[in-house]
Structure formats: structure tokens, C-alpha cells
Amino acid sequence: MLLAIARHPSARIRDIAAACRITERTALRIVSDLEMADYLSRTRDGRSTQYTLNLDRPLRHPAEAHLSVRRLLELLAHRDSEHGSRS
């Protein structure tokens, strides 16, 4: 989800869900959870939504708490560049 939002911060929930291969309902629940945990914020502009990631927020799991969202996205982007992008 974070990678899909980082790639397209103004994407519709429908498009984010499709990129993640999950239902819209599940995508909306995950986005809400991420917002409540301060991993992202949403700004409404008319009928569209702009997502902003909190890139300096540490990951939740104790084993990854030393990593920030920024670092996770860098690692995923690096992996995609080595294996061909799947956007």
C-alpha cells in the first residue's frame, strides 16, 4: 500500500486497490489504519484525495522499528529497478 501511494499520491482508492490486488473495501480499511497510525494523511480537494506519506515514521514491527517508511520505499524501489518495475 505504501509503495502504491508513494508512486501515485493522488490515485483513487479503486486504483490503489487494483495496484495491490485487493478489494476497495480492504484498501480503504488499510488506508484508514495507516492514517490513524500517522503513516499518512489525506487531504480532500473537491472529489479527489491527495495522500501524503510520513516518510520519517518508523515501521511498527519491533524487528523493523529501526527502518523508516522512507528506507522501506527506497529498498522496494531498488528491488523493482533490479527486477523490472511492476507498476
C-alpha atoms as a PDB file:
ATOM      1  CA  MET A   1       0.000   0.000   0.000  1.00  0.00           C
ATOM      2  CA  LEU A   2       2.713   2.466   0.952  1.00  0.00           C
ATOM      3  CA  LEU A   3       4.565   1.886  -2.302  1.00  0.00           C
ATOM      4  CA  ALA A   4       1.398   2.236  -4.392  1.00  0.00           C
ATOM      5  CA  ILE A   5       0.556   5.503  -2.624  1.00  0.00           C
ATOM      6  CA  ALA A   6       4.135   6.773  -2.921  1.00  0.00           C
ATOM      7  CA  ARG A   7       4.035   6.141  -6.673  1.00  0.00           C
ATOM      8  CA  HIS A   8       0.630   7.785  -7.178  1.00  0.00           C
ATOM      9  CA  PRO A   9      -0.304  10.056  -4.246  1.00  0.00           C
ATOM     10  CA  SER A  10      -3.462  11.306  -5.930  1.00  0.00           C
ATOM     11  CA  ALA A  11      -4.717   7.879  -7.037  1.00  0.00           C
ATOM     12  CA  ARG A  12      -8.266   6.834  -6.293  1.00  0.00           C
ATOM     13  CA  ILE A  13      -8.827   4.058  -3.761  1.00  0.00           C
ATOM     14  CA  ARG A  14     -10.031   1.914  -6.659  1.00  0.00           C
ATOM     15  CA  ASP A  15      -6.660   2.325  -8.401  1.00  0.00           C
ATOM     16  CA  ILE A  16      -4.663   1.727  -5.220  1.00  0.00           C
ATOM     17  CA  ALA A  17      -6.673  -1.444  -4.567  1.00  0.00           C
ATOM     18  CA  ALA A  18      -6.076  -2.667  -8.111  1.00  0.00           C
ATOM     19  CA  ALA A  19      -2.339  -1.987  -7.851  1.00  0.00           C
ATOM     20  CA  CYS A  20      -2.226  -4.004  -4.616  1.00  0.00           C
ATOM     21  CA  ARG A  21      -4.598  -6.700  -5.917  1.00  0.00           C
ATOM     22  CA  ILE A  22      -7.015  -6.279  -3.016  1.00  0.00           C
ATOM     23  CA  THR A  23     -10.624  -5.146  -2.752  1.00  0.00           C
ATOM     24  CA  GLU A  24     -11.526  -1.483  -2.481  1.00  0.00           C
ATOM     25  CA  ARG A  25     -13.023  -2.123   0.940  1.00  0.00           C
ATOM     26  CA  THR A  26      -9.776  -3.673   2.178  1.00  0.00           C
ATOM     27  CA  ALA A  27      -7.743  -0.829   0.657  1.00  0.00           C
ATOM     28  CA  LEU A  28      -9.933   1.752   2.376  1.00  0.00           C
ATOM     29  CA  ARG A  29      -9.554  -0.045   5.716  1.00  0.00           C
ATOM     30  CA  ILE A  30      -5.765  -0.198   5.341  1.00  0.00           C
ATOM     31  CA  VAL A  31      -5.566   3.484   4.360  1.00  0.00           C
ATOM     32  CA  SER A  32      -7.670   4.360   7.409  1.00  0.00           C
ATOM     33  CA  ASP A  33      -5.403   2.270   9.650  1.00  0.00           C
ATOM     34  CA  LEU A  34      -2.296   3.909   8.171  1.00  0.00           C
ATOM     35  CA  GLU A  35      -3.814   7.336   8.724  1.00  0.00           C
ATOM     36  CA  MET A  36      -4.702   6.557  12.345  1.00  0.00           C
ATOM     37  CA  ALA A  37      -1.147   5.300  12.927  1.00  0.00           C
ATOM     38  CA  ASP A  38       0.268   8.529  11.403  1.00  0.00           C
ATOM     39  CA  TYR A  39       1.863   6.822   8.396  1.00  0.00           C
ATOM     40  CA  LEU A  40      -0.091   9.004   6.003  1.00  0.00           C
ATOM     41  CA  SER A  41      -2.502  11.889   5.856  1.00  0.00           C
ATOM     42  CA  ARG A  42      -5.306  12.577   3.413  1.00  0.00           C
ATOM     43  CA  THR A  43      -6.297  15.950   2.016  1.00  0.00           C
ATOM     44  CA  ARG A  44      -9.564  16.299   0.127  1.00  0.00           C
ATOM     45  CA  ASP A  45      -9.719  18.604  -2.879  1.00  0.00           C
ATOM     46  CA  GLY A  46     -13.245  18.504  -4.214  1.00  0.00           C
ATOM     47  CA  ARG A  47     -13.886  14.913  -5.207  1.00  0.00           C
ATOM     48  CA  SER A  48     -10.239  13.867  -5.234  1.00  0.00           C
ATOM     49  CA  THR A  49      -7.910  12.907  -2.416  1.00  0.00           C
ATOM     50  CA  GLN A  50      -4.207  13.638  -2.097  1.00  0.00           C
ATOM     51  CA  TYR A  51      -2.181  11.292   0.117  1.00  0.00           C
ATOM     52  CA  THR A  52       0.966  12.412   1.913  1.00  0.00           C
ATOM     53  CA  LEU A  53       3.238   9.791   3.462  1.00  0.00           C
ATOM     54  CA  ASN A  54       5.045  10.422   6.730  1.00  0.00           C
ATOM     55  CA  LEU A  55       8.406   9.254   5.396  1.00  0.00           C
ATOM     56  CA  ASP A  56      10.253   9.629   8.699  1.00  0.00           C
ATOM     57  CA  ARG A  57       7.845   7.443  10.665  1.00  0.00           C
ATOM     58  CA  PRO A  58       9.494   4.220  11.904  1.00  0.00           C
ATOM     59  CA  LEU A  59       7.930   0.904  10.969  1.00  0.00           C
ATOM     60  CA  ARG A  60       5.696  -0.664  13.637  1.00  0.00           C
ATOM     61  CA  HIS A  61       7.046  -4.157  13.978  1.00  0.00           C
ATOM     62  CA  PRO A  62       9.828  -4.347  16.586  1.00  0.00           C
ATOM     63  CA  ALA A  63      12.089  -6.248  14.165  1.00  0.00           C
ATOM     64  CA  GLU A  64      11.834  -3.392  11.632  1.00  0.00           C
ATOM     65  CA  ALA A  65      11.462  -0.442  14.004  1.00  0.00           C
ATOM     66  CA  HIS A  66      14.955   0.769  13.058  1.00  0.00           C
ATOM     67  CA  LEU A  67      13.688   1.376   9.490  1.00  0.00           C
ATOM     68  CA  SER A  68      11.666   4.380   8.395  1.00  0.00           C
ATOM     69  CA  VAL A  69       8.956   4.423   5.755  1.00  0.00           C
ATOM     70  CA  ARG A  70      11.452   6.290   3.554  1.00  0.00           C
ATOM     71  CA  ARG A  71      14.014   3.496   3.853  1.00  0.00           C
ATOM     72  CA  LEU A  72      11.415   0.809   3.151  1.00  0.00           C
ATOM     73  CA  LEU A  73      10.340   2.629  -0.009  1.00  0.00           C
ATOM     74  CA  GLU A  74      13.978   3.028  -1.076  1.00  0.00           C
ATOM     75  CA  LEU A  75      14.546  -0.708  -0.623  1.00  0.00           C
ATOM     76  CA  LEU A  76      11.417  -1.571  -2.607  1.00  0.00           C
ATOM     77  CA  ALA A  77      12.294   0.883  -5.381  1.00  0.00           C
ATOM     78  CA  HIS A  78      15.791  -0.601  -5.581  1.00  0.00           C
ATOM     79  CA  ARG A  79      14.346  -4.118  -5.776  1.00  0.00           C
ATOM     80  CA  ASP A  80      11.942  -3.042  -8.532  1.00  0.00           C
ATOM     81  CA  SER A  81      14.758  -1.443 -10.536  1.00  0.00           C
ATOM     82  CA  GLU A  82      16.733  -4.693 -10.354  1.00  0.00           C
ATOM     83  CA  HIS A  83      13.780  -6.886 -11.348  1.00  0.00           C
ATOM     84  CA  GLY A  84      11.879  -4.526 -13.643  1.00  0.00           C
ATOM     85  CA  SER A  85       9.122  -2.232 -12.412  1.00  0.00           C
ATOM     86  CA  ARG A  86       5.694  -3.732 -11.781  1.00  0.00           C
ATOM     87  CA  SER A  87       3.689  -0.516 -11.678  1.00  0.00           C
END
